[in-house]
Amino acid sequence: MSTAFHDDASSKVLRRMKEGGFDFTRFHPIEFYAIFPDEERARLAARRLPQGESLNTQVSADENGAWQLAVSKVMYATREDIGDFAQSLETLVAPLGGVLDGWGVTQEAYERRT
């Protein structure tokens, strides 16, 4: 995934989040996804990531036989922070045959008061 494409896609998502009332002043668990051709490489990538209270990993198979690594990092949802972490994750997964498959965050529904 090219950095320019990732930045453009992230900017669009962040803009929609802002329009939807997302609270950018709080930390949120941001989910990053990478796809691997086999379980061994997905688990190796997960083991190479630092484990701690602000980072969690999960490896699972998908219906097509590929393996997904989901990395949840508690952080601010900024273009810079998301881009920096995605770039470091890509540096880790690419040599293992993995490819980044995007990121996401759960946005809490809120009620507008008029």
N, C-alpha and C. Protein backbone atom coordinates (compact mmCIF):
# COMPACT_ATOMS: atom_id res chain seq x y z
N MET A 1 0.86 -1.16 0.00
CA MET A 1 0.00 0.00 0.00
C MET A 1 0.90 1.22 0.00
N SER A 2 0.66 2.14 -0.92
CA SER A 2 1.51 3.32 -0.98
C SER A 2 1.14 4.28 0.15
N THR A 3 2.14 5.01 0.61
CA THR A 3 1.92 5.96 1.69
C THR A 3 0.94 7.05 1.26
N ALA A 4 1.06 7.53 0.01
CA ALA A 4 0.16 8.59 -0.48
C ALA A 4 -1.28 8.10 -0.47
N PHE A 5 -1.53 6.88 -0.94
CA PHE A 5 -2.89 6.33 -0.94
C PHE A 5 -3.40 6.21 0.48
N HIS A 6 -2.57 5.69 1.38
CA HIS A 6 -2.99 5.51 2.77
C HIS A 6 -3.34 6.85 3.40
N ASP A 7 -2.50 7.88 3.18
CA ASP A 7 -2.77 9.20 3.75
C ASP A 7 -4.07 9.77 3.22
N ASP A 8 -4.33 9.62 1.92
CA ASP A 8 -5.54 10.13 1.31
C ASP A 8 -6.77 9.41 1.87
N ALA A 9 -6.72 8.09 1.95
CA ALA A 9 -7.84 7.31 2.48
C ALA A 9 -8.07 7.65 3.95
N SER A 10 -7.00 7.76 4.73
CA SER A 10 -7.14 8.09 6.14
C SER A 10 -7.73 9.48 6.32
N SER A 11 -7.31 10.43 5.51
CA SER A 11 -7.85 11.79 5.61
C SER A 11 -9.36 11.79 5.36
N LYS A 12 -9.81 11.03 4.38
CA LYS A 12 -11.24 10.96 4.08
C LYS A 12 -12.01 10.35 5.25
N VAL A 13 -11.48 9.27 5.81
CA VAL A 13 -12.16 8.62 6.93
C VAL A 13 -12.20 9.55 8.13
N LEU A 14 -11.09 10.20 8.42
CA LEU A 14 -11.05 11.11 9.57
C LEU A 14 -12.00 12.29 9.37
N ARG A 15 -12.13 12.78 8.16
CA ARG A 15 -13.06 13.87 7.87
C ARG A 15 -14.51 13.41 8.13
N ARG A 16 -14.84 12.19 7.69
CA ARG A 16 -16.19 11.67 7.94
C ARG A 16 -16.42 11.46 9.44
N MET A 17 -15.39 11.02 10.15
CA MET A 17 -15.52 10.85 11.60
C MET A 17 -15.82 12.20 12.26
N LYS A 18 -15.10 13.25 11.83
CA LYS A 18 -15.33 14.59 12.39
C LYS A 18 -16.75 15.05 12.12
N GLU A 19 -17.22 14.83 10.90
CA GLU A 19 -18.59 15.21 10.53
C GLU A 19 -19.61 14.45 11.36
N GLY A 20 -19.26 13.23 11.77
CA GLY A 20 -20.17 12.41 12.58
C GLY A 20 -20.09 12.68 14.07
N GLY A 21 -19.25 13.63 14.48
CA GLY A 21 -19.18 13.98 15.89
C GLY A 21 -18.20 13.18 16.70
N PHE A 22 -17.23 12.52 16.07
CA PHE A 22 -16.24 11.72 16.77
C PHE A 22 -15.47 12.58 17.77
N ASP A 23 -15.20 12.03 18.94
CA ASP A 23 -14.47 12.75 19.99
C ASP A 23 -12.96 12.52 19.82
N PHE A 24 -12.30 13.48 19.19
CA PHE A 24 -10.86 13.37 18.94
C PHE A 24 -10.03 13.75 20.16
N THR A 25 -10.66 14.19 21.24
CA THR A 25 -9.91 14.60 22.43
C THR A 25 -9.58 13.42 23.34
N ARG A 26 -10.17 12.26 23.06
CA ARG A 26 -9.95 11.07 23.90
C ARG A 26 -9.09 10.04 23.16
N PHE A 27 -8.47 9.17 23.95
CA PHE A 27 -7.79 8.01 23.38
C PHE A 27 -8.86 7.01 22.94
N HIS A 28 -8.57 6.28 21.85
CA HIS A 28 -9.48 5.25 21.34
C HIS A 28 -8.67 4.03 20.92
N PRO A 29 -9.24 2.84 21.01
CA PRO A 29 -8.56 1.67 20.42
C PRO A 29 -8.74 1.71 18.90
N ILE A 30 -7.65 1.91 18.19
CA ILE A 30 -7.67 1.95 16.73
C ILE A 30 -7.23 0.57 16.25
N GLU A 31 -8.01 -0.04 15.37
CA GLU A 31 -7.72 -1.37 14.84
C GLU A 31 -7.01 -1.26 13.50
N PHE A 32 -5.88 -1.95 13.37
CA PHE A 32 -5.13 -2.02 12.13
C PHE A 32 -5.15 -3.47 11.68
N TYR A 33 -5.23 -3.70 10.38
CA TYR A 33 -5.36 -5.05 9.85
C TYR A 33 -4.28 -5.35 8.82
N ALA A 34 -3.75 -6.57 8.89
CA ALA A 34 -2.80 -7.06 7.89
C ALA A 34 -3.21 -8.48 7.50
N ILE A 35 -3.00 -8.81 6.24
CA ILE A 35 -3.36 -10.13 5.72
C ILE A 35 -2.08 -10.88 5.37
N PHE A 36 -2.04 -12.17 5.75
CA PHE A 36 -0.89 -13.04 5.50
C PHE A 36 -1.34 -14.31 4.77
N PRO A 37 -0.42 -14.91 4.02
CA PRO A 37 -0.78 -16.14 3.31
C PRO A 37 -0.89 -17.36 4.21
N ASP A 38 -0.30 -17.30 5.42
CA ASP A 38 -0.39 -18.46 6.30
C ASP A 38 -0.34 -18.02 7.77
N GLU A 39 -0.76 -18.94 8.62
CA GLU A 39 -0.85 -18.68 10.05
C GLU A 39 0.52 -18.41 10.67
N GLU A 40 1.52 -19.14 10.27
CA GLU A 40 2.85 -19.02 10.86
C GLU A 40 3.38 -17.59 10.75
N ARG A 41 3.27 -17.00 9.56
CA ARG A 41 3.79 -15.64 9.38
C ARG A 41 2.94 -14.60 10.11
N ALA A 42 1.65 -14.82 10.17
CA ALA A 42 0.78 -13.90 10.91
C ALA A 42 1.13 -13.92 12.40
N ARG A 43 1.34 -15.11 12.94
CA ARG A 43 1.69 -15.22 14.37
C ARG A 43 3.09 -14.68 14.65
N LEU A 44 4.00 -14.86 13.71
CA LEU A 44 5.36 -14.32 13.87
C LEU A 44 5.29 -12.79 13.93
N ALA A 45 4.51 -12.18 13.06
CA ALA A 45 4.35 -10.73 13.09
C ALA A 45 3.76 -10.28 14.42
N ALA A 46 2.75 -11.00 14.91
CA ALA A 46 2.13 -10.66 16.19
C ALA A 46 3.14 -10.74 17.33
N ARG A 47 4.00 -11.74 17.31
CA ARG A 47 5.01 -11.89 18.37
C ARG A 47 6.07 -10.78 18.31
N ARG A 48 6.31 -10.24 17.13
CA ARG A 48 7.33 -9.20 16.98
C ARG A 48 6.84 -7.82 17.41
N LEU A 49 5.55 -7.68 17.60
CA LEU A 49 5.01 -6.40 18.07
C LEU A 49 5.16 -6.31 19.59
N PRO A 50 5.46 -5.13 20.10
CA PRO A 50 5.56 -5.00 21.57
C PRO A 50 4.18 -5.19 22.20
N GLN A 51 4.10 -6.02 23.21
CA GLN A 51 2.83 -6.26 23.90
C GLN A 51 2.73 -5.34 25.11
N GLY A 52 1.54 -4.91 25.40
CA GLY A 52 1.36 -4.04 26.56
C GLY A 52 -0.08 -3.60 26.65
N GLU A 53 -0.33 -2.73 27.59
CA GLU A 53 -1.71 -2.32 27.82
C GLU A 53 -2.27 -1.44 26.72
N SER A 54 -1.42 -0.83 25.91
CA SER A 54 -1.95 0.01 24.83
C SER A 54 -1.92 -0.68 23.48
N LEU A 55 -1.50 -1.96 23.44
CA LEU A 55 -1.41 -2.70 22.19
C LEU A 55 -1.87 -4.13 22.41
N ASN A 56 -2.73 -4.61 21.52
CA ASN A 56 -3.25 -5.97 21.61
C ASN A 56 -3.29 -6.56 20.20
N THR A 57 -3.00 -7.85 20.08
CA THR A 57 -3.02 -8.49 18.76
C THR A 57 -3.93 -9.71 18.78
N GLN A 58 -4.47 -10.01 17.59
CA GLN A 58 -5.30 -11.20 17.43
C GLN A 58 -5.09 -11.73 16.02
N VAL A 59 -4.91 -13.05 15.91
CA VAL A 59 -4.71 -13.70 14.62
C VAL A 59 -5.91 -14.62 14.36
N SER A 60 -6.46 -14.54 13.14
CA SER A 60 -7.59 -15.39 12.80
C SER A 60 -7.57 -15.72 11.32
N ALA A 61 -8.20 -16.85 10.99
CA ALA A 61 -8.31 -17.27 9.58
C ALA A 61 -9.53 -16.62 8.97
N ASP A 62 -9.45 -16.35 7.67
CA ASP A 62 -10.65 -15.87 6.98
C ASP A 62 -11.18 -16.97 6.08
N GLU A 63 -12.33 -16.73 5.47
CA GLU A 63 -12.99 -17.75 4.67
C GLU A 63 -12.24 -18.10 3.38
N ASN A 64 -11.27 -17.28 2.99
CA ASN A 64 -10.51 -17.53 1.76
C ASN A 64 -9.20 -18.27 2.00
N GLY A 65 -8.93 -18.65 3.24
CA GLY A 65 -7.71 -19.36 3.55
C GLY A 65 -6.54 -18.48 3.95
N ALA A 66 -6.72 -17.16 3.88
CA ALA A 66 -5.67 -16.24 4.32
C ALA A 66 -5.80 -16.04 5.83
N TRP A 67 -4.79 -15.43 6.41
CA TRP A 67 -4.78 -15.19 7.85
C TRP A 67 -4.71 -13.70 8.11
N GLN A 68 -5.53 -13.22 9.05
CA GLN A 68 -5.58 -11.81 9.37
C GLN A 68 -4.95 -11.56 10.73
N LEU A 69 -4.13 -10.53 10.77
CA LEU A 69 -3.59 -10.02 12.02
C LEU A 69 -4.32 -8.72 12.31
N ALA A 70 -5.00 -8.67 13.44
CA ALA A 70 -5.65 -7.44 13.90
C ALA A 70 -4.83 -6.90 15.06
N VAL A 71 -4.43 -5.65 14.95
CA VAL A 71 -3.64 -5.00 15.98
C VAL A 71 -4.45 -3.82 16.49
N SER A 72 -4.75 -3.84 17.77
CA SER A 72 -5.49 -2.75 18.39
C SER A 72 -4.51 -1.92 19.20
N LYS A 73 -4.44 -0.64 18.88
CA LYS A 73 -3.54 0.27 19.60
C LYS A 73 -4.37 1.42 20.17
N VAL A 74 -4.23 1.65 21.47
CA VAL A 74 -4.92 2.75 22.11
C VAL A 74 -4.12 4.02 21.85
N MET A 75 -4.78 4.98 21.19
CA MET A 75 -4.07 6.18 20.77
C MET A 75 -5.07 7.27 20.41
N TYR A 76 -4.55 8.45 20.14
CA TYR A 76 -5.39 9.51 19.58
C TYR A 76 -5.62 9.20 18.11
N ALA A 77 -6.78 9.52 17.60
CA ALA A 77 -7.12 9.28 16.20
C ALA A 77 -6.73 10.50 15.37
N THR A 78 -5.43 10.64 15.12
CA THR A 78 -4.96 11.73 14.27
C THR A 78 -4.34 11.12 13.02
N ARG A 79 -4.34 11.89 11.95
CA ARG A 79 -3.76 11.41 10.69
C ARG A 79 -2.28 11.07 10.89
N GLU A 80 -1.57 11.89 11.64
CA GLU A 80 -0.15 11.65 11.85
C GLU A 80 0.10 10.38 12.66
N ASP A 81 -0.62 10.22 13.78
CA ASP A 81 -0.40 9.04 14.63
C ASP A 81 -0.80 7.75 13.91
N ILE A 82 -1.94 7.80 13.23
CA ILE A 82 -2.39 6.62 12.49
C ILE A 82 -1.42 6.30 11.37
N GLY A 83 -0.99 7.32 10.64
CA GLY A 83 -0.04 7.12 9.55
C GLY A 83 1.30 6.58 10.03
N ASP A 84 1.79 7.11 11.13
CA ASP A 84 3.08 6.64 11.67
C ASP A 84 2.99 5.18 12.09
N PHE A 85 1.90 4.82 12.80
CA PHE A 85 1.79 3.44 13.25
C PHE A 85 1.59 2.50 12.07
N ALA A 86 0.78 2.90 11.11
CA ALA A 86 0.56 2.06 9.92
C ALA A 86 1.87 1.84 9.17
N GLN A 87 2.69 2.88 9.07
CA GLN A 87 3.97 2.74 8.38
C GLN A 87 4.89 1.77 9.14
N SER A 88 4.94 1.88 10.46
CA SER A 88 5.80 0.96 11.22
C SER A 88 5.27 -0.47 11.14
N LEU A 89 3.94 -0.62 11.11
CA LEU A 89 3.35 -1.95 10.98
C LEU A 89 3.66 -2.53 9.59
N GLU A 90 3.56 -1.70 8.57
CA GLU A 90 3.88 -2.16 7.22
C GLU A 90 5.34 -2.60 7.11
N THR A 91 6.24 -1.88 7.76
CA THR A 91 7.65 -2.25 7.77
C THR A 91 7.86 -3.62 8.42
N LEU A 92 7.04 -3.94 9.40
CA LEU A 92 7.14 -5.23 10.08
C LEU A 92 6.52 -6.36 9.26
N VAL A 93 5.35 -6.13 8.66
CA VAL A 93 4.62 -7.23 8.01
C VAL A 93 5.09 -7.51 6.58
N ALA A 94 5.55 -6.51 5.87
CA ALA A 94 5.92 -6.71 4.45
C ALA A 94 7.01 -7.77 4.26
N PRO A 95 8.09 -7.77 5.04
CA PRO A 95 9.11 -8.80 4.86
C PRO A 95 8.60 -10.22 5.14
N LEU A 96 7.47 -10.33 5.85
CA LEU A 96 6.89 -11.63 6.17
C LEU A 96 5.81 -12.03 5.17
N GLY A 97 5.66 -11.25 4.10
CA GLY A 97 4.67 -11.56 3.08
C GLY A 97 3.29 -11.02 3.39
N GLY A 98 3.19 -10.16 4.40
CA GLY A 98 1.91 -9.58 4.76
C GLY A 98 1.66 -8.26 4.05
N VAL A 99 0.39 -7.90 3.95
CA VAL A 99 0.01 -6.61 3.39
C VAL A 99 -1.00 -5.94 4.32
N LEU A 100 -0.87 -4.63 4.47
CA LEU A 100 -1.83 -3.91 5.29
C LEU A 100 -3.18 -3.92 4.61
N ASP A 101 -4.23 -3.99 5.44
CA ASP A 101 -5.59 -4.06 4.91
C ASP A 101 -6.47 -3.00 5.57
N GLY A 102 -5.88 -1.89 5.96
CA GLY A 102 -6.66 -0.77 6.48
C GLY A 102 -6.69 -0.68 7.99
N TRP A 103 -7.49 0.26 8.45
CA TRP A 103 -7.66 0.50 9.88
C TRP A 103 -9.10 0.94 10.13
N GLY A 104 -9.49 0.90 11.39
CA GLY A 104 -10.83 1.34 11.75
C GLY A 104 -10.92 1.64 13.23
N VAL A 105 -11.99 2.29 13.59
CA VAL A 105 -12.25 2.61 15.00
C VAL A 105 -13.75 2.61 15.18
N THR A 106 -14.19 2.18 16.34
CA THR A 106 -15.61 2.19 16.65
C THR A 106 -16.00 3.59 17.10
N GLN A 107 -17.00 4.14 16.44
CA GLN A 107 -17.48 5.46 16.80
C GLN A 107 -18.76 5.30 17.60
N GLU A 108 -18.78 5.89 18.78
CA GLU A 108 -19.96 5.82 19.62
C GLU A 108 -21.07 6.66 19.01
N ALA A 109 -22.27 6.12 19.06
CA ALA A 109 -23.42 6.88 18.61
C ALA A 109 -23.74 7.93 19.68
N TYR A 110 -24.15 9.06 19.23
CA TYR A 110 -24.53 10.09 20.19
C TYR A 110 -25.82 10.75 19.72
N GLU A 111 -26.47 11.36 20.65
CA GLU A 111 -27.75 12.01 20.35
C GLU A 111 -27.50 13.52 20.31
N ARG A 112 -27.88 14.14 19.20
CA ARG A 112 -27.74 15.58 19.10
C ARG A 112 -28.85 16.25 19.89
N ARG A 113 -28.47 17.26 20.60
CA ARG A 113 -29.46 18.04 21.35
C ARG A 113 -29.64 19.37 20.64
N THR A 114 -30.87 19.70 20.44
CA THR A 114 -31.14 20.97 19.73
C THR A 114 -31.72 22.01 20.63
